[in-house]
PDB file of N, CA and C in Angstrom:
ATOM      1  N   MET A   1      83.111 -83.588 128.844  1.00  0.00           N
ATOM      2  CA  MET A   1      81.917 -84.358 129.028  1.00  0.00           C
ATOM      3  C   MET A   1      82.338 -85.696 129.424  1.00  0.00           C
ATOM      4  N   GLU A   2      83.540 -86.200 129.148  1.00  0.00           N
ATOM      5  CA  GLU A   2      83.908 -87.633 129.231  1.00  0.00           C
ATOM      6  C   GLU A   2      84.344 -87.507 130.738  1.00  0.00           C
ATOM      7  N   LEU A   3      84.451 -86.641 131.347  1.00  0.00           N
ATOM      8  CA  LEU A   3      85.042 -86.621 132.813  1.00  0.00           C
ATOM      9  C   LEU A   3      83.904 -86.835 133.714  1.00  0.00           C
ATOM     10  N   LYS A   4      82.806 -86.134 133.280  1.00  0.00           N
ATOM     11  CA  LYS A   4      81.530 -86.389 134.268  1.00  0.00           C
ATOM     12  C   LYS A   4      81.152 -87.704 134.329  1.00  0.00           C
ATOM     13  N   GLN A   5      81.091 -88.485 133.206  1.00  0.00           N
ATOM     14  CA  GLN A   5      80.653 -89.772 133.125  1.00  0.00           C
ATOM     15  C   GLN A   5      81.759 -91.094 134.293  1.00  0.00           C
ATOM     16  N   PRO A   6      82.772 -90.558 134.423  1.00  0.00           N
ATOM     17  CA  PRO A   6      83.120 -91.561 135.342  1.00  0.00           C
ATOM     18  C   PRO A   6      83.155 -91.204 136.758  1.00  0.00           C
ATOM     19  N   ARG A   7      82.904 -90.040 137.119  1.00  0.00           N
ATOM     20  CA  ARG A   7      82.423 -89.324 138.493  1.00  0.00           C
ATOM     21  C   ARG A   7      80.935 -89.817 138.608  1.00  0.00           C
ATOM     22  N   ALA A   8      80.007 -90.050 137.661  1.00  0.00           N
ATOM     23  CA  ALA A   8      78.612 -90.319 137.947  1.00  0.00           C
ATOM     24  C   ALA A   8      78.468 -91.724 138.100  1.00  0.00           C
ATOM     25  N   LEU A   9      79.446 -92.661 137.391  1.00  0.00           N
ATOM     26  CA  LEU A   9      79.760 -93.949 137.777  1.00  0.00           C
ATOM     27  C   LEU A   9      80.190 -94.316 139.125  1.00  0.00           C
ATOM     28  N   THR A  10      81.174 -93.462 139.569  1.00  0.00           N
ATOM     29  CA  THR A  10      81.847 -93.596 140.950  1.00  0.00           C
ATOM     30  C   THR A  10      80.640 -93.023 141.969  1.00  0.00           C
ATOM     31  N   GLY A  11      79.811 -92.350 141.933  1.00  0.00           N
ATOM     32  CA  GLY A  11      78.788 -92.071 142.610  1.00  0.00           C
ATOM     33  C   GLY A  11      77.829 -92.996 142.697  1.00  0.00           C
ATOM     34  N   ARG A  12      77.371 -93.805 141.660  1.00  0.00           N
ATOM     35  CA  ARG A  12      76.454 -94.857 141.602  1.00  0.00           C
ATOM     36  C   ARG A  12      77.020 -95.844 142.316  1.00  0.00           C
ATOM     37  N   PHE A  13      78.323 -96.441 142.180  1.00  0.00           N
ATOM     38  CA  PHE A  13      78.696 -97.617 142.478  1.00  0.00           C
ATOM     39  C   PHE A  13      78.956 -97.277 144.086  1.00  0.00           C
ATOM     40  N   ALA A  14      79.316 -96.031 144.611  1.00  0.00           N
ATOM     41  CA  ALA A  14      79.329 -95.914 145.852  1.00  0.00           C
ATOM     42  C   ALA A  14      78.095 -95.931 146.684  1.00  0.00           C
ATOM     43  N   LEU A  15      77.076 -95.584 145.811  1.00  0.00           N
ATOM     44  CA  LEU A  15      75.647 -95.619 146.561  1.00  0.00           C
ATOM     45  C   LEU A  15      75.027 -97.045 146.529  1.00  0.00           C
ATOM     46  N   ILE A  16      75.449 -97.765 145.458  1.00  0.00           N
ATOM     47  CA  ILE A  16      74.804 -99.122 145.534  1.00  0.00           C
ATOM     48  C   ILE A  16      75.558-100.030 146.538  1.00  0.00           C
ATOM     49  N   CYS A  17      76.898 -99.812 146.534  1.00  0.00           N
ATOM     50  CA  CYS A  17      77.995-100.442 147.394  1.00  0.00           C
ATOM     51  C   CYS A  17      77.525-100.256 149.153  1.00  0.00           C
ATOM     52  N   GLY A  18      77.111 -98.812 149.337  1.00  0.00           N
ATOM     53  CA  GLY A  18      76.596 -98.456 150.549  1.00  0.00           C
ATOM     54  C   GLY A  18      75.411 -99.035 151.045  1.00  0.00           C
ATOM     55  N   THR A  19      74.677 -99.204 150.181  1.00  0.00           N
ATOM     56  CA  THR A  19      73.224 -99.918 150.326  1.00  0.00           C
ATOM     57  C   THR A  19      73.395-101.183 150.829  1.00  0.00           C
ATOM     58  N   ILE A  20      74.419-102.144 149.876  1.00  0.00           N
ATOM     59  CA  ILE A  20      74.502-103.284 149.874  1.00  0.00           C
ATOM     60  C   ILE A  20      75.353-103.645 151.357  1.00  0.00           C
ATOM     61  N   VAL A  21      76.259-102.869 151.629  1.00  0.00           N
ATOM     62  CA  VAL A  21      76.858-102.998 152.861  1.00  0.00           C
ATOM     63  C   VAL A  21      76.027-102.706 154.516  1.00  0.00           C
ATOM     64  N   LEU A  22      75.057-101.716 154.011  1.00  0.00           N
ATOM     65  CA  LEU A  22      74.061-101.276 154.974  1.00  0.00           C
ATOM     66  C   LEU A  22      73.008-102.513 155.196  1.00  0.00           C
ATOM     67  N   ALA A  23      72.624-103.190 154.068  1.00  0.00           N
ATOM     68  CA  ALA A  23      71.332-104.328 154.175  1.00  0.00           C
ATOM     69  C   ALA A  23      72.162-105.276 154.703  1.00  0.00           C
ATOM     70  N   ALA A  24      73.430-105.664 154.307  1.00  0.00           N
ATOM     71  CA  ALA A  24      74.268-106.690 155.009  1.00  0.00           C
ATOM     72  C   ALA A  24      74.410-106.685 156.398  1.00  0.00           C
ATOM     73  N   GLY A  25      74.653-105.439 157.130  1.00  0.00           N
ATOM     74  CA  GLY A  25      74.915-105.451 158.334  1.00  0.00           C
ATOM     75  C   GLY A  25      73.510-105.530 159.130  1.00  0.00           C
ATOM     76  N   ILE A  26      72.564-105.019 158.544  1.00  0.00           N
ATOM     77  CA  ILE A  26      71.281-105.058 159.143  1.00  0.00           C
ATOM     78  C   ILE A  26      70.735-106.678 159.501  1.00  0.00           C
ATOM     79  N   ALA A  27      70.877-107.560 158.063  1.00  0.00           N
ATOM     80  CA  ALA A  27      70.693-108.896 158.017  1.00  0.00           C
ATOM     81  C   ALA A  27      71.566-109.484 159.116  1.00  0.00           C
ATOM     82  N   LEU A  28      72.996-109.355 159.306  1.00  0.00           N
ATOM     83  CA  LEU A  28      73.734-109.831 160.157  1.00  0.00           C
ATOM     84  C   LEU A  28      73.399-109.513 161.567  1.00  0.00           C
ATOM     85  N   TYR A  29      73.013-108.132 162.050  1.00  0.00           N
ATOM     86  CA  TYR A  29      72.693-107.972 163.205  1.00  0.00           C
ATOM     87  C   TYR A  29      71.467-108.648 163.764  1.00  0.00           C
ATOM     88  N   SER A  30      70.306-108.847 162.920  1.00  0.00           N
ATOM     89  CA  SER A  30      68.908-109.386 163.019  1.00  0.00           C
ATOM     90  C   SER A  30      69.470-110.618 163.401  1.00  0.00           C
ATOM     91  N   GLY A  31      70.024-111.389 162.527  1.00  0.00           N
ATOM     92  CA  GLY A  31      70.303-112.804 162.815  1.00  0.00           C
ATOM     93  C   GLY A  31      71.101-113.156 163.962  1.00  0.00           C
ATOM     94  N   SER A  32      71.948-112.101 164.363  1.00  0.00           N
ATOM     95  CA  SER A  32      73.029-112.320 165.566  1.00  0.00           C
ATOM     96  C   SER A  32      71.909-112.520 166.985  1.00  0.00           C
ATOM     97  N   ARG A  33      70.923-111.088 166.650  1.00  0.00           N
ATOM     98  CA  ARG A  33      70.082-110.950 167.756  1.00  0.00           C
ATOM     99  C   ARG A  33      69.485-112.178 168.148  1.00  0.00           C
ATOM    100  N   GLN A  34      68.640-112.740 166.938  1.00  0.00           N
ATOM    101  CA  GLN A  34      67.515-113.935 166.795  1.00  0.00           C
ATOM    102  C   GLN A  34      68.341-115.006 167.726  1.00  0.00           C
ATOM    103  N   ASN A  35      69.735-115.294 167.405  1.00  0.00           N
ATOM    104  CA  ASN A  35      70.265-116.288 168.057  1.00  0.00           C
ATOM    105  C   ASN A  35      70.776-116.304 169.436  1.00  0.00           C
ATOM    106  N   SER A  36      71.219-115.105 169.641  1.00  0.00           N
ATOM    107  CA  SER A  36      71.258-114.802 171.005  1.00  0.00           C
ATOM    108  C   SER A  36      69.960-114.906 172.044  1.00  0.00           C
ATOM    109  N   LEU A  37      68.929-114.593 171.523  1.00  0.00           N
ATOM    110  CA  LEU A  37      67.466-114.697 172.054  1.00  0.00           C
ATOM    111  C   LEU A  37      67.251-116.056 172.133  1.00  0.00           C
ATOM    112  N   ASP A  38      67.434-116.850 171.045  1.00  0.00           N
ATOM    113  CA  ASP A  38      67.132-118.265 171.197  1.00  0.00           C
ATOM    114  C   ASP A  38      68.033-118.970 172.114  1.00  0.00           C
ATOM    115  N   ASP A  39      69.132-118.620 172.215  1.00  0.00           N
ATOM    116  CA  ASP A  39      70.259-119.105 173.177  1.00  0.00           C
ATOM    117  C   ASP A  39      69.814-118.852 174.641  1.00  0.00           C
ATOM    118  N   LEU A  40      69.489-117.684 174.922  1.00  0.00           N
ATOM    119  CA  LEU A  40      68.978-117.253 176.223  1.00  0.00           C
ATOM    120  C   LEU A  40      67.589-117.941 176.552  1.00  0.00           C
ATOM    121  N   ARG A  41      66.830-118.301 175.669  1.00  0.00           N
ATOM    122  CA  ARG A  41      65.630-119.046 175.950  1.00  0.00           C
ATOM    123  C   ARG A  41      66.152-120.346 176.105  1.00  0.00           C
ATOM    124  N   THR A  42      66.799-121.059 175.478  1.00  0.00           N
ATOM    125  CA  THR A  42      67.235-122.588 175.840  1.00  0.00           C
ATOM    126  C   THR A  42      67.812-122.672 177.021  1.00  0.00           C
ATOM    127  N   MET A  43      68.894-121.666 177.596  1.00  0.00           N
ATOM    128  CA  MET A  43      69.500-121.819 178.803  1.00  0.00           C
ATOM    129  C   MET A  43      68.454-121.556 179.750  1.00  0.00           C
ATOM    130  N   ALA A  44      67.491-120.820 179.840  1.00  0.00           N
ATOM    131  CA  ALA A  44      66.087-120.551 180.580  1.00  0.00           C
ATOM    132  C   ALA A  44      65.570-121.884 180.722  1.00  0.00           C
ATOM    133  N   GLU A  45      65.264-122.527 179.656  1.00  0.00           N
ATOM    134  CA  GLU A  45      64.379-123.564 179.769  1.00  0.00           C
ATOM    135  C   GLU A  45      65.277-124.749 180.648  1.00  0.00           C
ATOM    136  N   ARG A  46      66.553-125.051 180.150  1.00  0.00           N
ATOM    137  CA  ARG A  46      67.204-125.829 180.964  1.00  0.00           C
ATOM    138  C   ARG A  46      67.470-125.409 182.433  1.00  0.00           C
ATOM    139  N   ASN A  47      67.488-124.241 182.886  1.00  0.00           N
ATOM    140  CA  ASN A  47      67.526-123.828 184.037  1.00  0.00           C
ATOM    141  C   ASN A  47      66.253-124.234 185.031  1.00  0.00           C
ATOM    142  N   ASN A  48      65.336-124.029 184.244  1.00  0.00           N
ATOM    143  CA  ASN A  48      63.950-124.151 184.729  1.00  0.00           C
ATOM    144  C   ASN A  48      64.034-125.877 184.883  1.00  0.00           C
ATOM    145  N   VAL A  49      64.072-126.579 184.240  1.00  0.00           N
ATOM    146  CA  VAL A  49      64.238-127.927 184.258  1.00  0.00           C
ATOM    147  C   VAL A  49      65.105-128.430 185.334  1.00  0.00           C
ATOM    148  N   ALA A  50      66.145-127.991 185.569  1.00  0.00           N
ATOM    149  CA  ALA A  50      67.145-128.167 186.483  1.00  0.00           C
ATOM    150  C   ALA A  50      66.429-127.974 188.068  1.00  0.00           C
ATOM    151  N   LEU A  51      65.866-126.819 188.053  1.00  0.00           N
ATOM    152  CA  LEU A  51      65.111-126.058 189.287  1.00  0.00           C
ATOM    153  C   LEU A  51      63.960-127.060 189.496  1.00  0.00           C
ATOM    154  N   THR A  52      63.376-127.387 188.587  1.00  0.00           N
ATOM    155  CA  THR A  52      62.241-128.536 188.995  1.00  0.00           C
ATOM    156  C   THR A  52      62.522-129.637 189.533  1.00  0.00           C
ATOM    157  N   GLN A  53      63.662-130.348 188.739  1.00  0.00           N
ATOM    158  CA  GLN A  53      64.297-131.417 189.382  1.00  0.00           C
ATOM    159  C   GLN A  53      64.741-131.255 190.694  1.00  0.00           C
ATOM    160  N   ALA A  54      65.200-130.154 191.155  1.00  0.00           N
ATOM    161  CA  ALA A  54      65.933-130.063 192.354  1.00  0.00           C
ATOM    162  C   ALA A  54      64.812-129.872 193.398  1.00  0.00           C
ATOM    163  N   PHE A  55      63.388-129.202 192.975  1.00  0.00           N
ATOM    164  CA  PHE A  55      62.448-129.315 193.962  1.00  0.00           C
ATOM    165  C   PHE A  55      61.942-130.701 194.093  1.00  0.00           C
ATOM    166  N   SER A  56      61.846-131.403 193.013  1.00  0.00           N
ATOM    167  CA  SER A  56      61.253-132.681 193.094  1.00  0.00           C
ATOM    168  C   SER A  56      62.085-133.607 193.782  1.00  0.00           C
ATOM    169  N   ASN A  57      63.156-133.480 193.824  1.00  0.00           N
ATOM    170  CA  ASN A  57      64.253-134.521 194.550  1.00  0.00           C
ATOM    171  C   ASN A  57      63.885-134.087 196.133  1.00  0.00           C
ATOM    172  N   ALA A  58      63.734-133.030 196.466  1.00  0.00           N
ATOM    173  CA  ALA A  58      63.602-132.383 197.996  1.00  0.00           C
ATOM    174  C   ALA A  58      62.126-132.744 198.412  1.00  0.00           C
ATOM    175  N   ILE A  59      61.115-132.546 197.559  1.00  0.00           N
ATOM    176  CA  ILE A  59      59.907-132.482 198.123  1.00  0.00           C
ATOM    177  C   ILE A  59      59.134-134.056 197.982  1.00  0.00           C
ATOM    178  N   TRP A  60      59.482-134.563 196.845  1.00  0.00           N
ATOM    179  CA  TRP A  60      58.643-135.946 196.372  1.00  0.00           C
ATOM    180  C   TRP A  60      58.753-136.681 197.359  1.00  0.00           C
ATOM    181  N   PRO A  61      60.030-137.136 197.740  1.00  0.00           N
ATOM    182  CA  PRO A  61      60.183-138.306 198.624  1.00  0.00           C
ATOM    183  C   PRO A  61      59.357-138.282 199.821  1.00  0.00           C
ATOM    184  N   LYS A  62      59.139-137.151 200.514  1.00  0.00           N
ATOM    185  CA  LYS A  62      58.652-136.731 201.716  1.00  0.00           C
ATOM    186  C   LYS A  62      57.039-136.813 201.520  1.00  0.00           C
ATOM    187  N   TYR A  63      56.363-136.290 200.424  1.00  0.00           N
ATOM    188  CA  TYR A  63      55.022-135.806 200.289  1.00  0.00           C
ATOM    189  C   TYR A  63      54.318-136.787 199.086  1.00  0.00           C
ATOM    190  N   ALA A  64      55.049-137.990 198.643  1.00  0.00           N
ATOM    191  CA  ALA A  64      54.207-138.412 197.286  1.00  0.00           C
ATOM    192  C   ALA A  64      53.151-138.979 197.757  1.00  0.00           C
ATOM    193  N   GLY A  65      52.729-139.439 198.743  1.00  0.00           N
ATOM    194  CA  GLY A  65      51.584-140.096 199.245  1.00  0.00           C
ATOM    195  C   GLY A  65      50.401-139.124 199.317  1.00  0.00           C
ATOM    196  N   PHE A  66      50.853-138.026 200.016  1.00  0.00           N
ATOM    197  CA  PHE A  66      49.621-136.936 200.295  1.00  0.00           C
ATOM    198  C   PHE A  66      49.396-136.567 198.925  1.00  0.00           C
ATOM    199  N   ILE A  67      50.316-136.228 197.697  1.00  0.00           N
ATOM    200  CA  ILE A  67      49.963-135.573 196.514  1.00  0.00           C
ATOM    201  C   ILE A  67      49.107-136.751 195.757  1.00  0.00           C
ATOM    202  N   LYS A  68      49.567-137.659 195.953  1.00  0.00           N
ATOM    203  CA  LYS A  68      48.740-139.062 195.445  1.00  0.00           C
ATOM    204  C   LYS A  68      47.276-139.178 195.606  1.00  0.00           C
ATOM    205  N   SER A  69      47.135-138.854 197.175  1.00  0.00           N
ATOM    206  CA  SER A  69      45.869-138.776 197.557  1.00  0.00           C
ATOM    207  C   SER A  69      45.087-137.365 197.634  1.00  0.00           C
ATOM    208  N   ALA A  70      45.598-136.525 197.182  1.00  0.00           N
ATOM    209  CA  ALA A  70      44.919-135.130 197.157  1.00  0.00           C
ATOM    210  C   ALA A  70      43.750-135.109 196.580  1.00  0.00           C
ATOM    211  N   ARG A  71      43.424-135.854 195.402  1.00  0.00           N
ATOM    212  CA  ARG A  71      42.143-136.186 194.622  1.00  0.00           C
ATOM    213  C   ARG A  71      40.989-136.192 195.335  1.00  0.00           C
ATOM    214  N   THR A  72      41.464-137.235 196.488  1.00  0.00           N
ATOM    215  CA  THR A  72      40.307-137.581 197.307  1.00  0.00           C
ATOM    216  C   THR A  72      39.822-136.211 198.191  1.00  0.00           C
ATOM    217  N   LEU A  73      40.270-135.198 198.376  1.00  0.00           N
ATOM    218  CA  LEU A  73      39.858-134.234 199.303  1.00  0.00           C
ATOM    219  C   LEU A  73      39.350-133.073 198.691  1.00  0.00           C
ATOM    220  N   ASP A  74      38.348-132.238 198.822  1.00  0.00           N
ATOM    221  CA  ASP A  74      37.887-131.361 198.383  1.00  0.00           C
ATOM    222  C   ASP A  74      38.827-129.948 198.533  1.00  0.00           C
ATOM    223  N   ALA A  75      38.641-128.823 198.013  1.00  0.00           N
ATOM    224  CA  ALA A  75      39.629-127.802 197.999  1.00  0.00           C
ATOM    225  C   ALA A  75      39.676-127.107 199.453  1.00  0.00           C
ATOM    226  N   ALA A  76      38.781-127.204 200.153  1.00  0.00           N
ATOM    227  CA  ALA A  76      38.764-126.600 201.466  1.00  0.00           C
ATOM    228  C   ALA A  76      39.649-127.544 202.481  1.00  0.00           C
ATOM    229  N   MET A  77      39.256-128.929 202.351  1.00  0.00           N
ATOM    230  CA  MET A  77      39.879-129.770 203.098  1.00  0.00           C
ATOM    231  C   MET A  77      41.543-129.657 202.768  1.00  0.00           C
ATOM    232  N   LEU A  78      41.652-129.569 201.581  1.00  0.00           N
ATOM    233  CA  LEU A  78      42.962-129.653 200.895  1.00  0.00           C
ATOM    234  C   LEU A  78      43.886-128.385 201.388  1.00  0.00           C
ATOM    235  N   ARG A  79      43.165-127.422 201.588  1.00  0.00           N
ATOM    236  CA  ARG A  79      43.874-126.107 202.130  1.00  0.00           C
ATOM    237  C   ARG A  79      44.197-126.328 203.402  1.00  0.00           C
ATOM    238  N   SER A  80      43.257-127.033 204.176  1.00  0.00           N
ATOM    239  CA  SER A  80      43.432-126.796 205.719  1.00  0.00           C
ATOM    240  C   SER A  80      44.105-128.044 206.264  1.00  0.00           C
ATOM    241  N   HIS A  81      44.414-128.863 205.232  1.00  0.00           N
ATOM    242  CA  HIS A  81      45.209-130.079 205.522  1.00  0.00           C
ATOM    243  C   HIS A  81      46.522-129.833 206.377  1.00  0.00           C
ATOM    244  N   PRO A  82      46.747-130.613 207.631  1.00  0.00           N
ATOM    245  CA  PRO A  82      47.979-130.141 208.319  1.00  0.00           C
ATOM    246  C   PRO A  82      49.261-130.732 207.488  1.00  0.00           C
ATOM    247  N   THR A  83      49.417-131.588 206.588  1.00  0.00           N
ATOM    248  CA  THR A  83      50.163-131.899 205.686  1.00  0.00           C
ATOM    249  C   THR A  83      50.566-131.044 204.548  1.00  0.00           C
ATOM    250  N   THR A  84      49.551-130.194 204.014  1.00  0.00           N
ATOM    251  CA  THR A  84      49.720-129.061 203.325  1.00  0.00           C
ATOM    252  C   THR A  84      50.368-127.769 203.858  1.00  0.00           C
ATOM    253  N   ALA A  85      50.053-127.697 205.141  1.00  0.00           N
ATOM    254  CA  ALA A  85      51.044-126.613 205.731  1.00  0.00           C
ATOM    255  C   ALA A  85      52.543-127.132 205.960  1.00  0.00           C
ATOM    256  N   ARG A  86      52.897-128.198 206.454  1.00  0.00           N
ATOM    257  CA  ARG A  86      54.341-128.853 206.229  1.00  0.00           C
ATOM    258  C   ARG A  86      54.933-128.662 204.979  1.00  0.00           C
ATOM    259  N   LEU A  87      54.171-129.129 203.768  1.00  0.00           N
ATOM    260  CA  LEU A  87      54.482-128.796 202.356  1.00  0.00           C
ATOM    261  C   LEU A  87      54.762-127.587 202.226  1.00  0.00           C
ATOM    262  N   ARG A  88      53.952-126.557 202.605  1.00  0.00           N
ATOM    263  CA  ARG A  88      54.014-125.067 202.182  1.00  0.00           C
ATOM    264  C   ARG A  88      55.496-124.801 202.888  1.00  0.00           C
ATOM    265  N   GLU A  89      55.571-124.992 204.178  1.00  0.00           N
ATOM    266  CA  GLU A  89      56.919-124.481 204.994  1.00  0.00           C
ATOM    267  C   GLU A  89      58.094-125.145 204.200  1.00  0.00           C
ATOM    268  N   ASP A  90      58.050-126.627 203.906  1.00  0.00           N
ATOM    269  CA  ASP A  90      59.297-127.272 203.138  1.00  0.00           C
ATOM    270  C   ASP A  90      59.611-126.429 201.838  1.00  0.00           C
ATOM    271  N   THR A  91      58.486-125.973 201.161  1.00  0.00           N
ATOM    272  CA  THR A  91      58.599-125.644 199.748  1.00  0.00           C
ATOM    273  C   THR A  91      59.183-124.131 200.089  1.00  0.00           C
ATOM    274  N   ILE A  92      58.658-123.476 201.016  1.00  0.00           N
ATOM    275  CA  ILE A  92      59.292-121.811 200.960  1.00  0.00           C
ATOM    276  C   ILE A  92      60.688-122.022 201.374  1.00  0.00           C
ATOM    277  N   GLN A  93      60.997-123.025 202.235  1.00  0.00           N
ATOM    278  CA  GLN A  93      62.252-123.295 202.689  1.00  0.00           C
ATOM    279  C   GLN A  93      63.329-123.529 201.709  1.00  0.00           C
ATOM    280  N   GLN A  94      62.729-124.265 200.411  1.00  0.00           N
ATOM    281  CA  GLN A  94      63.745-124.465 199.295  1.00  0.00           C
ATOM    282  C   GLN A  94      63.443-123.448 198.410  1.00  0.00           C
ATOM    283  N   MET A  95      62.806-122.392 198.255  1.00  0.00           N
ATOM    284  CA  MET A  95      62.855-121.236 197.717  1.00  0.00           C
ATOM    285  C   MET A  95      63.449-120.101 198.053  1.00  0.00           C
ATOM    286  N   ARG A  96      63.830-120.186 199.302  1.00  0.00           N
ATOM    287  CA  ARG A  96      64.798-119.136 199.999  1.00  0.00           C
ATOM    288  C   ARG A  96      66.049-118.967 198.869  1.00  0.00           C
ATOM    289  N   GLY A  97      66.201-117.603 198.876  1.00  0.00           N
ATOM    290  CA  GLY A  97      67.444-117.065 197.797  1.00  0.00           C
ATOM    291  C   GLY A  97      67.229-117.605 196.518  1.00  0.00           C
ATOM    292  N   LEU A  98      65.964-118.119 196.174  1.00  0.00           N
ATOM    293  CA  LEU A  98      65.985-118.336 194.703  1.00  0.00           C
ATOM    294  C   LEU A  98      65.004-117.226 193.972  1.00  0.00           C
ATOM    295  N   ALA A  99      65.368-117.129 192.529  1.00  0.00           N
ATOM    296  CA  ALA A  99      64.032-115.975 192.032  1.00  0.00           C
ATOM    297  C   ALA A  99      63.030-116.994 191.617  1.00  0.00           C
ATOM    298  N   VAL A 100      62.197-117.367 192.500  1.00  0.00           N
ATOM    299  CA  VAL A 100      61.151-118.308 192.127  1.00  0.00           C
ATOM    300  C   VAL A 100      59.878-117.617 192.669  1.00  0.00           C
ATOM    301  N   LEU A 101      58.783-117.573 191.983  1.00  0.00           N
ATOM    302  CA  LEU A 101      57.606-116.530 192.344  1.00  0.00           C
ATOM    303  C   LEU A 101      56.612-117.643 192.873  1.00  0.00           C
ATOM    304  N   LYS A 102      56.264-118.557 192.575  1.00  0.00           N
ATOM    305  CA  LYS A 102      55.188-119.615 192.591  1.00  0.00           C
ATOM    306  C   LYS A 102      55.672-121.064 192.358  1.00  0.00           C
ATOM    307  N   VAL A 103      55.281-121.593 193.362  1.00  0.00           N
ATOM    308  CA  VAL A 103      55.313-123.564 193.110  1.00  0.00           C
ATOM    309  C   VAL A 103      54.169-124.152 193.060  1.00  0.00           C
ATOM    310  N   LYS A 104      53.605-124.785 191.901  1.00  0.00           N
ATOM    311  CA  LYS A 104      52.616-125.597 191.897  1.00  0.00           C
ATOM    312  C   LYS A 104      53.026-126.984 191.798  1.00  0.00           C
ATOM    313  N   ILE A 105      52.235-128.059 192.407  1.00  0.00           N
ATOM    314  CA  ILE A 105      52.550-129.331 192.098  1.00  0.00           C
ATOM    315  C   ILE A 105      51.275-130.024 191.565  1.00  0.00           C
ATOM    316  N   TYR A 106      51.108-130.534 190.816  1.00  0.00           N
ATOM    317  CA  TYR A 106      50.056-131.438 190.093  1.00  0.00           C
ATOM    318  C   TYR A 106      49.987-132.930 190.281  1.00  0.00           C
ATOM    319  N   ASP A 107      48.810-133.521 190.420  1.00  0.00           N
ATOM    320  CA  ASP A 107      48.973-134.848 190.438  1.00  0.00           C
ATOM    321  C   ASP A 107      48.892-135.545 189.106  1.00  0.00           C
ATOM    322  N   LEU A 108      48.831-136.694 188.861  1.00  0.00           N
ATOM    323  CA  LEU A 108      49.352-137.145 187.425  1.00  0.00           C
ATOM    324  C   LEU A 108      47.956-136.730 186.658  1.00  0.00           C
ATOM    325  N   ALA A 109      46.747-136.525 187.398  1.00  0.00           N
ATOM    326  CA  ALA A 109      45.578-136.384 186.489  1.00  0.00           C
ATOM    327  C   ALA A 109      45.523-134.805 186.052  1.00  0.00           C
ATOM    328  N   GLY A 110      46.456-133.974 186.493  1.00  0.00           N
ATOM    329  CA  GLY A 110      46.550-132.576 186.345  1.00  0.00           C
ATOM    330  C   GLY A 110      45.867-131.755 187.408  1.00  0.00           C
ATOM    331  N   LEU A 111      45.177-132.241 188.627  1.00  0.00           N
ATOM    332  CA  LEU A 111      44.657-131.455 189.677  1.00  0.00           C
ATOM    333  C   LEU A 111      45.913-130.839 190.292  1.00  0.00           C
ATOM    334  N   THR A 112      45.825-129.733 190.539  1.00  0.00           N
ATOM    335  CA  THR A 112      46.563-128.839 191.547  1.00  0.00           C
ATOM    336  C   THR A 112      46.299-129.278 192.831  1.00  0.00           C
ATOM    337  N   ALA A 113      47.568-129.927 193.296  1.00  0.00           N
ATOM    338  CA  ALA A 113      47.384-130.870 194.707  1.00  0.00           C
ATOM    339  C   ALA A 113      48.025-129.828 195.511  1.00  0.00           C
ATOM    340  N   PHE A 114      48.960-128.794 195.296  1.00  0.00           N
ATOM    341  CA  PHE A 114      49.555-127.799 196.083  1.00  0.00           C
ATOM    342  C   PHE A 114      49.988-126.372 195.151  1.00  0.00           C
ATOM    343  N   SER A 115      49.822-125.263 195.878  1.00  0.00           N
ATOM    344  CA  SER A 115      50.415-124.350 195.449  1.00  0.00           C
ATOM    345  C   SER A 115      50.827-123.475 196.609  1.00  0.00           C
ATOM    346  N   THR A 116      51.983-122.715 196.351  1.00  0.00           N
ATOM    347  CA  THR A 116      52.403-121.687 197.400  1.00  0.00           C
ATOM    348  C   THR A 116      51.442-120.683 197.136  1.00  0.00           C
ATOM    349  N   GLU A 117      50.723-120.344 196.277  1.00  0.00           N
ATOM    350  CA  GLU A 117      49.591-119.330 196.214  1.00  0.00           C
ATOM    351  C   GLU A 117      48.404-119.967 196.973  1.00  0.00           C
ATOM    352  N   ALA A 118      48.139-119.273 198.054  1.00  0.00           N
ATOM    353  CA  ALA A 118      47.147-119.926 199.076  1.00  0.00           C
ATOM    354  C   ALA A 118      45.799-119.922 198.436  1.00  0.00           C
ATOM    355  N   SER A 119      45.582-118.958 197.289  1.00  0.00           N
ATOM    356  CA  SER A 119      44.057-118.841 196.905  1.00  0.00           C
ATOM    357  C   SER A 119      43.823-120.203 195.852  1.00  0.00           C
TER     358      SER A 119
END
């Protein structure tokens, strides 16, 4: 009977250690995955800020006056304004080769002064 007791203890020890190792592996995987997702999100945010700055550097000097005065125009006039067409062409030119779906430009009060989406 004494021989069965060490085997029973060895089995329990193996079961407990296996459970601990499995739990630690799951915890490490979850932590590593979350860390990777956070890093990817941070990198995407930085890239978006850099892309926005690049668009701003290319567009703002030429169209700042128009964007500032967009508040004085109603929606129909803003869409049909000749400067809007030129701004659209310049913006689409800047978007070529990039994974950009839509560009919106707001004035300081939050009005959408321009969007590549015509509606």
